[in-house]
All heavy atoms as atom14 arrays in JSON, in Angstrom:
{
  "sequence": "QGRIVDALHQRLAMTYTIGHLPIPFYRFQQERQQV",
  "atom14_mask": [
    [1, 1, 1, 1, 1, 1, 1, 1, 1, 0, 0, 0, 0, 0],
    [1, 1, 1, 1, 0, 0, 0, 0, 0, 0, 0, 0, 0, 0],
    [1, 1, 1, 1, 1, 1, 1, 1, 1, 1, 1, 0, 0, 0],
    [1, 1, 1, 1, 1, 1, 1, 1, 0, 0, 0, 0, 0, 0],
    [1, 1, 1, 1, 1, 1, 1, 0, 0, 0, 0, 0, 0, 0],
    [1, 1, 1, 1, 1, 1, 1, 1, 0, 0, 0, 0, 0, 0],
    [1, 1, 1, 1, 1, 0, 0, 0, 0, 0, 0, 0, 0, 0],
    [1, 1, 1, 1, 1, 1, 1, 1, 0, 0, 0, 0, 0, 0],
    [1, 1, 1, 1, 1, 1, 1, 1, 1, 1, 0, 0, 0, 0],
    [1, 1, 1, 1, 1, 1, 1, 1, 1, 0, 0, 0, 0, 0],
    [1, 1, 1, 1, 1, 1, 1, 1, 1, 1, 1, 0, 0, 0],
    [1, 1, 1, 1, 1, 1, 1, 1, 0, 0, 0, 0, 0, 0],
    [1, 1, 1, 1, 1, 0, 0, 0, 0, 0, 0, 0, 0, 0],
    [1, 1, 1, 1, 1, 1, 1, 1, 0, 0, 0, 0, 0, 0],
    [1, 1, 1, 1, 1, 1, 1, 0, 0, 0, 0, 0, 0, 0],
    [1, 1, 1, 1, 1, 1, 1, 1, 1, 1, 1, 1, 0, 0],
    [1, 1, 1, 1, 1, 1, 1, 0, 0, 0, 0, 0, 0, 0],
    [1, 1, 1, 1, 1, 1, 1, 1, 0, 0, 0, 0, 0, 0],
    [1, 1, 1, 1, 0, 0, 0, 0, 0, 0, 0, 0, 0, 0],
    [1, 1, 1, 1, 1, 1, 1, 1, 1, 1, 0, 0, 0, 0],
    [1, 1, 1, 1, 1, 1, 1, 1, 0, 0, 0, 0, 0, 0],
    [1, 1, 1, 1, 1, 1, 1, 0, 0, 0, 0, 0, 0, 0],
    [1, 1, 1, 1, 1, 1, 1, 1, 0, 0, 0, 0, 0, 0],
    [1, 1, 1, 1, 1, 1, 1, 0, 0, 0, 0, 0, 0, 0],
    [1, 1, 1, 1, 1, 1, 1, 1, 1, 1, 1, 0, 0, 0],
    [1, 1, 1, 1, 1, 1, 1, 1, 1, 1, 1, 1, 0, 0],
    [1, 1, 1, 1, 1, 1, 1, 1, 1, 1, 1, 0, 0, 0],
    [1, 1, 1, 1, 1, 1, 1, 1, 1, 1, 1, 0, 0, 0],
    [1, 1, 1, 1, 1, 1, 1, 1, 1, 0, 0, 0, 0, 0],
    [1, 1, 1, 1, 1, 1, 1, 1, 1, 0, 0, 0, 0, 0],
    [1, 1, 1, 1, 1, 1, 1, 1, 1, 0, 0, 0, 0, 0],
    [1, 1, 1, 1, 1, 1, 1, 1, 1, 1, 1, 0, 0, 0],
    [1, 1, 1, 1, 1, 1, 1, 1, 1, 0, 0, 0, 0, 0],
    [1, 1, 1, 1, 1, 1, 1, 1, 1, 0, 0, 0, 0, 0],
    [1, 1, 1, 1, 1, 1, 1, 0, 0, 0, 0, 0, 0, 0]
  ],
  "atom14_positions": [
    [[-6.94, -51.9, 27.96], [-6.11, -50.75, 28.44], [-4.68, -50.89, 28.02], [-3.87, -49.99, 28.26], [-6.22, -50.64, 29.96], [-7.64, -50.35, 30.42], [-8.23, -49.1, 29.83], [-7.57, -48.08, 29.71], [-9.49, -49.22, 29.39], [0.0, 0.0, 0.0], [0.0, 0.0, 0.0], [0.0, 0.0, 0.0], [0.0, 0.0, 0.0], [0.0, 0.0, 0.0]],
    [[-4.29, -52.03, 27.47], [-2.91, -52.23, 27.04], [-2.0, -52.46, 28.25], [-2.37, -52.32, 29.41], [0.0, 0.0, 0.0], [0.0, 0.0, 0.0], [0.0, 0.0, 0.0], [0.0, 0.0, 0.0], [0.0, 0.0, 0.0], [0.0, 0.0, 0.0], [0.0, 0.0, 0.0], [0.0, 0.0, 0.0], [0.0, 0.0, 0.0], [0.0, 0.0, 0.0]],
    [[-0.75, -52.79, 27.98], [0.25, -52.94, 29.0], [1.52, -52.31, 28.5], [1.88, -52.42, 27.36], [0.55, -54.45, 29.25], [-0.51, -55.17, 30.04], [0.04, -56.52, 30.53], [0.31, -57.41, 29.41], [-0.51, -58.37, 28.99], [-1.65, -58.55, 29.57], [-0.19, -59.14, 27.98], [0.0, 0.0, 0.0], [0.0, 0.0, 0.0], [0.0, 0.0, 0.0]],
    [[2.21, -51.6, 29.37], [3.46, -51.0, 29.01], [4.45, -52.16, 28.83], [4.52, -53.09, 29.64], [3.96, -50.04, 30.11], [2.97, -48.88, 30.23], [5.37, -49.52, 29.78], [3.31, -47.94, 31.36], [0.0, 0.0, 0.0], [0.0, 0.0, 0.0], [0.0, 0.0, 0.0], [0.0, 0.0, 0.0], [0.0, 0.0, 0.0], [0.0, 0.0, 0.0]],
    [[5.28, -52.11, 27.76], [6.14, -53.21, 27.46], [7.14, -53.51, 28.58], [7.41, -54.66, 28.88], [6.89, -52.92, 26.13], [8.04, -53.89, 25.92], [5.92, -53.06, 24.97], [0.0, 0.0, 0.0], [0.0, 0.0, 0.0], [0.0, 0.0, 0.0], [0.0, 0.0, 0.0], [0.0, 0.0, 0.0], [0.0, 0.0, 0.0], [0.0, 0.0, 0.0]],
    [[7.63, -52.44, 29.22], [8.54, -52.68, 30.37], [7.86, -53.54, 31.41], [8.49, -54.45, 31.97], [8.97, -51.37, 31.02], [10.06, -50.66, 30.22], [10.3, -51.05, 29.07], [10.66, -49.71, 30.72], [0.0, 0.0, 0.0], [0.0, 0.0, 0.0], [0.0, 0.0, 0.0], [0.0, 0.0, 0.0], [0.0, 0.0, 0.0], [0.0, 0.0, 0.0]],
    [[6.6, -53.28, 31.7], [5.89, -54.03, 32.72], [5.68, -55.48, 32.28], [5.72, -56.4, 33.05], [4.53, -53.39, 33.04], [0.0, 0.0, 0.0], [0.0, 0.0, 0.0], [0.0, 0.0, 0.0], [0.0, 0.0, 0.0], [0.0, 0.0, 0.0], [0.0, 0.0, 0.0], [0.0, 0.0, 0.0], [0.0, 0.0, 0.0], [0.0, 0.0, 0.0]],
    [[5.44, -55.66, 30.97], [5.31, -56.99, 30.43], [6.55, -57.81, 30.64], [6.51, -58.96, 31.08], [4.94, -56.87, 28.92], [4.59, -58.16, 28.17], [3.68, -57.77, 26.99], [5.85, -58.82, 27.62], [0.0, 0.0, 0.0], [0.0, 0.0, 0.0], [0.0, 0.0, 0.0], [0.0, 0.0, 0.0], [0.0, 0.0, 0.0], [0.0, 0.0, 0.0]],
    [[7.68, -57.22, 30.33], [8.97, -57.92, 30.53], [9.19, -58.18, 32.02], [9.7, -59.26, 32.37], [10.11, -57.07, 29.96], [10.17, -57.07, 28.48], [10.74, -58.12, 27.75], [9.76, -56.18, 27.56], [10.66, -57.84, 26.45], [10.06, -56.7, 26.32], [0.0, 0.0, 0.0], [0.0, 0.0, 0.0], [0.0, 0.0, 0.0], [0.0, 0.0, 0.0]],
    [[8.86, -57.22, 32.89], [9.02, -57.45, 34.3], [8.18, -58.61, 34.79], [8.57, -59.39, 35.66], [8.68, -56.18, 35.05], [9.69, -55.04, 34.85], [9.18, -53.72, 35.42], [8.18, -53.68, 36.12], [9.92, -52.64, 35.09], [0.0, 0.0, 0.0], [0.0, 0.0, 0.0], [0.0, 0.0, 0.0], [0.0, 0.0, 0.0], [0.0, 0.0, 0.0]],
    [[6.97, -58.71, 34.22], [6.12, -59.82, 34.58], [6.75, -61.16, 34.23], [6.73, -62.11, 35.01], [4.76, -59.65, 33.83], [3.88, -60.92, 33.91], [2.67, -60.7, 33.01], [1.98, -61.96, 32.77], [1.0, -62.11, 31.9], [0.59, -61.08, 31.21], [0.42, -63.27, 31.71], [0.0, 0.0, 0.0], [0.0, 0.0, 0.0], [0.0, 0.0, 0.0]],
    [[7.33, -61.23, 33.04], [8.04, -62.48, 32.66], [9.22, -62.76, 33.54], [9.45, -63.9, 33.93], [8.46, -62.35, 31.19], [7.37, -62.32, 30.12], [7.98, -62.14, 28.74], [6.52, -63.56, 30.17], [0.0, 0.0, 0.0], [0.0, 0.0, 0.0], [0.0, 0.0, 0.0], [0.0, 0.0, 0.0], [0.0, 0.0, 0.0], [0.0, 0.0, 0.0]],
    [[9.96, -61.71, 33.88], [11.14, -61.92, 34.75], [10.77, -62.4, 36.14], [11.57, -63.06, 36.81], [11.93, -60.59, 34.82], [0.0, 0.0, 0.0], [0.0, 0.0, 0.0], [0.0, 0.0, 0.0], [0.0, 0.0, 0.0], [0.0, 0.0, 0.0], [0.0, 0.0, 0.0], [0.0, 0.0, 0.0], [0.0, 0.0, 0.0], [0.0, 0.0, 0.0]],
    [[9.57, -62.07, 36.61], [9.13, -62.51, 37.93], [8.78, -64.0, 37.93], [8.85, -64.66, 38.94], [7.92, -61.69, 38.4], [8.26, -60.25, 38.71], [6.78, -59.31, 39.16], [6.23, -60.23, 40.63], [0.0, 0.0, 0.0], [0.0, 0.0, 0.0], [0.0, 0.0, 0.0], [0.0, 0.0, 0.0], [0.0, 0.0, 0.0], [0.0, 0.0, 0.0]],
    [[8.42, -64.51, 36.75], [7.94, -65.9, 36.67], [8.99, -66.85, 36.12], [9.08, -68.02, 36.49], [6.67, -65.97, 35.78], [5.74, -65.03, 36.22], [6.08, -67.38, 35.77], [0.0, 0.0, 0.0], [0.0, 0.0, 0.0], [0.0, 0.0, 0.0], [0.0, 0.0, 0.0], [0.0, 0.0, 0.0], [0.0, 0.0, 0.0], [0.0, 0.0, 0.0]],
    [[9.85, -66.32, 35.21], [10.82, -67.16, 34.52], [12.25, -66.74, 34.81], [12.51, -65.62, 35.28], [10.56, -67.1, 33.01], [9.2, -67.6, 32.62], [8.14, -66.7, 32.46], [8.97, -68.96, 32.42], [6.85, -67.17, 32.11], [7.72, -69.41, 32.1], [6.67, -68.51, 31.91], [5.42, -68.99, 31.58], [0.0, 0.0, 0.0], [0.0, 0.0, 0.0]],
    [[13.16, -67.63, 34.51], [14.58, -67.37, 34.73], [15.14, -66.66, 33.45], [15.09, -67.22, 32.35], [15.35, -68.67, 34.95], [14.8, -69.34, 36.11], [16.84, -68.36, 35.21], [0.0, 0.0, 0.0], [0.0, 0.0, 0.0], [0.0, 0.0, 0.0], [0.0, 0.0, 0.0], [0.0, 0.0, 0.0], [0.0, 0.0, 0.0], [0.0, 0.0, 0.0]],
    [[15.65, -65.45, 33.66], [16.2, -64.68, 32.56], [17.71, -64.54, 32.75], [18.17, -64.01, 33.77], [15.58, -63.26, 32.47], [14.04, -63.36, 32.45], [16.1, -62.51, 31.25], [13.49, -64.13, 31.25], [0.0, 0.0, 0.0], [0.0, 0.0, 0.0], [0.0, 0.0, 0.0], [0.0, 0.0, 0.0], [0.0, 0.0, 0.0], [0.0, 0.0, 0.0]],
    [[18.51, -65.04, 31.81], [19.94, -64.9, 31.91], [20.39, -63.49, 31.48], [19.57, -62.7, 31.03], [0.0, 0.0, 0.0], [0.0, 0.0, 0.0], [0.0, 0.0, 0.0], [0.0, 0.0, 0.0], [0.0, 0.0, 0.0], [0.0, 0.0, 0.0], [0.0, 0.0, 0.0], [0.0, 0.0, 0.0], [0.0, 0.0, 0.0], [0.0, 0.0, 0.0]],
    [[21.67, -63.27, 31.59], [22.19, -61.94, 31.26], [23.56, -62.04, 30.62], [24.48, -62.67, 31.2], [22.24, -61.05, 32.49], [22.87, -59.71, 32.25], [23.92, -59.23, 32.98], [22.57, -58.76, 31.31], [24.24, -58.02, 32.51], [23.44, -57.7, 31.52], [0.0, 0.0, 0.0], [0.0, 0.0, 0.0], [0.0, 0.0, 0.0], [0.0, 0.0, 0.0]],
    [[23.72, -61.42, 29.45], [25.03, -61.32, 28.79], [25.51, -59.88, 28.97], [24.93, -58.95, 28.43], [24.91, -61.61, 27.3], [24.87, -63.05, 26.88], [24.48, -63.15, 25.42], [26.22, -63.71, 27.1], [0.0, 0.0, 0.0], [0.0, 0.0, 0.0], [0.0, 0.0, 0.0], [0.0, 0.0, 0.0], [0.0, 0.0, 0.0], [0.0, 0.0, 0.0]],
    [[26.56, -59.63, 29.78], [27.01, -58.26, 30.05], [27.83, -57.69, 28.92], [28.98, -57.25, 29.07], [27.85, -58.43, 31.34], [28.4, -59.82, 31.22], [27.3, -60.64, 30.57], [0.0, 0.0, 0.0], [0.0, 0.0, 0.0], [0.0, 0.0, 0.0], [0.0, 0.0, 0.0], [0.0, 0.0, 0.0], [0.0, 0.0, 0.0], [0.0, 0.0, 0.0]],
    [[27.25, -57.71, 27.7], [27.9, -57.19, 26.52], [26.92, -56.2, 25.9], [25.75, -56.51, 25.68], [28.2, -58.3, 25.48], [29.03, -59.41, 26.16], [28.94, -57.72, 24.31], [29.27, -60.62, 25.24], [0.0, 0.0, 0.0], [0.0, 0.0, 0.0], [0.0, 0.0, 0.0], [0.0, 0.0, 0.0], [0.0, 0.0, 0.0], [0.0, 0.0, 0.0]],
    [[27.37, -54.97, 25.54], [26.44, -53.95, 25.01], [26.16, -54.15, 23.52], [26.62, -53.39, 22.68], [27.2, -52.65, 25.29], [28.64, -53.02, 25.2], [28.69, -54.4, 25.8], [0.0, 0.0, 0.0], [0.0, 0.0, 0.0], [0.0, 0.0, 0.0], [0.0, 0.0, 0.0], [0.0, 0.0, 0.0], [0.0, 0.0, 0.0], [0.0, 0.0, 0.0]],
    [[25.36, -55.15, 23.25], [24.99, -55.44, 21.86], [23.92, -54.54, 21.3], [23.85, -54.34, 20.1], [24.53, -56.9, 21.76], [25.6, -57.92, 21.7], [25.6, -59.0, 22.6], [26.6, -57.88, 20.75], [26.6, -59.98, 22.54], [27.59, -58.84, 20.7], [27.57, -59.9, 21.6], [0.0, 0.0, 0.0], [0.0, 0.0, 0.0], [0.0, 0.0, 0.0]],
    [[23.03, -54.06, 22.17], [21.86, -53.32, 21.71], [22.17, -51.82, 21.73], [22.93, -51.33, 22.55], [20.68, -53.59, 22.64], [19.29, -53.21, 22.11], [18.63, -54.04, 21.23], [18.71, -52.01, 22.46], [17.4, -53.73, 20.74], [17.46, -51.66, 21.97], [16.8, -52.53, 21.16], [15.54, -52.17, 20.66], [0.0, 0.0, 0.0], [0.0, 0.0, 0.0]],
    [[21.58, -51.09, 20.74], [21.71, -49.65, 20.66], [20.35, -49.02, 20.8], [19.49, -49.17, 19.98], [22.34, -49.24, 19.32], [23.69, -49.87, 19.03], [24.78, -49.3, 19.97], [26.1, -49.74, 19.64], [26.72, -50.79, 20.16], [26.12, -51.5, 21.09], [27.95, -51.11, 19.79], [0.0, 0.0, 0.0], [0.0, 0.0, 0.0], [0.0, 0.0, 0.0]],
    [[20.16, -48.29, 21.92], [18.9, -47.68, 22.27], [18.92, -46.18, 22.01], [19.71, -45.46, 22.67], [18.54, -47.97, 23.73], [17.22, -47.45, 24.2], [16.07, -48.22, 24.13], [17.13, -46.15, 24.68], [14.88, -47.73, 24.55], [15.89, -45.66, 25.11], [14.77, -46.43, 25.05], [0.0, 0.0, 0.0], [0.0, 0.0, 0.0], [0.0, 0.0, 0.0]],
    [[18.13, -45.72, 21.08], [18.1, -44.29, 20.79], [17.16, -43.54, 21.74], [16.06, -44.0, 22.02], [17.67, -44.04, 19.35], [17.71, -42.59, 18.94], [17.65, -42.42, 17.46], [18.65, -42.53, 16.76], [16.47, -42.16, 16.95], [0.0, 0.0, 0.0], [0.0, 0.0, 0.0], [0.0, 0.0, 0.0], [0.0, 0.0, 0.0], [0.0, 0.0, 0.0]],
    [[17.56, -42.38, 22.18], [16.75, -41.57, 23.07], [15.39, -41.29, 22.41], [15.32, -41.06, 21.19], [17.42, -40.27, 23.4], [18.65, -40.4, 24.32], [19.12, -39.07, 24.79], [19.0, -38.75, 25.95], [19.7, -38.27, 23.89], [0.0, 0.0, 0.0], [0.0, 0.0, 0.0], [0.0, 0.0, 0.0], [0.0, 0.0, 0.0], [0.0, 0.0, 0.0]],
    [[14.37, -41.21, 23.24], [13.03, -40.95, 22.73], [12.96, -39.54, 22.14], [13.5, -38.58, 22.72], [11.99, -41.05, 23.86], [11.83, -42.44, 24.39], [11.09, -43.35, 23.45], [10.52, -42.84, 22.47], [11.09, -44.58, 23.68], [0.0, 0.0, 0.0], [0.0, 0.0, 0.0], [0.0, 0.0, 0.0], [0.0, 0.0, 0.0], [0.0, 0.0, 0.0]],
    [[12.32, -39.44, 20.97], [12.02, -38.13, 20.41], [10.64, -37.67, 20.97], [9.84, -38.47, 21.3], [11.91, -38.21, 18.87], [13.2, -38.57, 18.24], [13.03, -38.5, 16.7], [12.07, -39.52, 16.26], [11.46, -39.51, 15.07], [11.69, -38.55, 14.23], [10.61, -40.48, 14.73], [0.0, 0.0, 0.0], [0.0, 0.0, 0.0], [0.0, 0.0, 0.0]],
    [[10.48, -36.36, 21.06], [9.19, -35.84, 21.45], [8.23, -36.01, 20.27], [8.45, -35.47, 19.22], [9.31, -34.35, 21.81], [10.11, -34.11, 23.06], [9.49, -34.75, 24.28], [8.27, -34.75, 24.47], [10.32, -35.31, 25.16], [0.0, 0.0, 0.0], [0.0, 0.0, 0.0], [0.0, 0.0, 0.0], [0.0, 0.0, 0.0], [0.0, 0.0, 0.0]],
    [[7.23, -36.87, 20.44], [6.35, -37.14, 19.31], [4.9, -36.99, 19.77], [4.42, -37.73, 20.63], [6.59, -38.59, 18.84], [5.67, -38.96, 17.68], [5.85, -40.41, 17.28], [6.1, -41.26, 18.13], [5.71, -40.73, 16.01], [0.0, 0.0, 0.0], [0.0, 0.0, 0.0], [0.0, 0.0, 0.0], [0.0, 0.0, 0.0], [0.0, 0.0, 0.0]],
    [[4.2, -35.99, 19.22], [2.81, -35.75, 19.52], [2.06, -35.71, 18.2], [2.14, -34.75, 17.48], [2.59, -34.5, 20.33], [1.11, -34.33, 20.62], [3.39, -34.48, 21.61], [0.0, 0.0, 0.0], [0.0, 0.0, 0.0], [0.0, 0.0, 0.0], [0.0, 0.0, 0.0], [0.0, 0.0, 0.0], [0.0, 0.0, 0.0], [0.0, 0.0, 0.0]]
  ]
}
């Protein structure tokens, strides 16, 4: 059935220690409507 990637990351965050760099290095483009 697959896993949504967000949920996969959340699963890792619940088990492991994830640090955070408060610097906006990543550029996330809004989703296009794709059918």
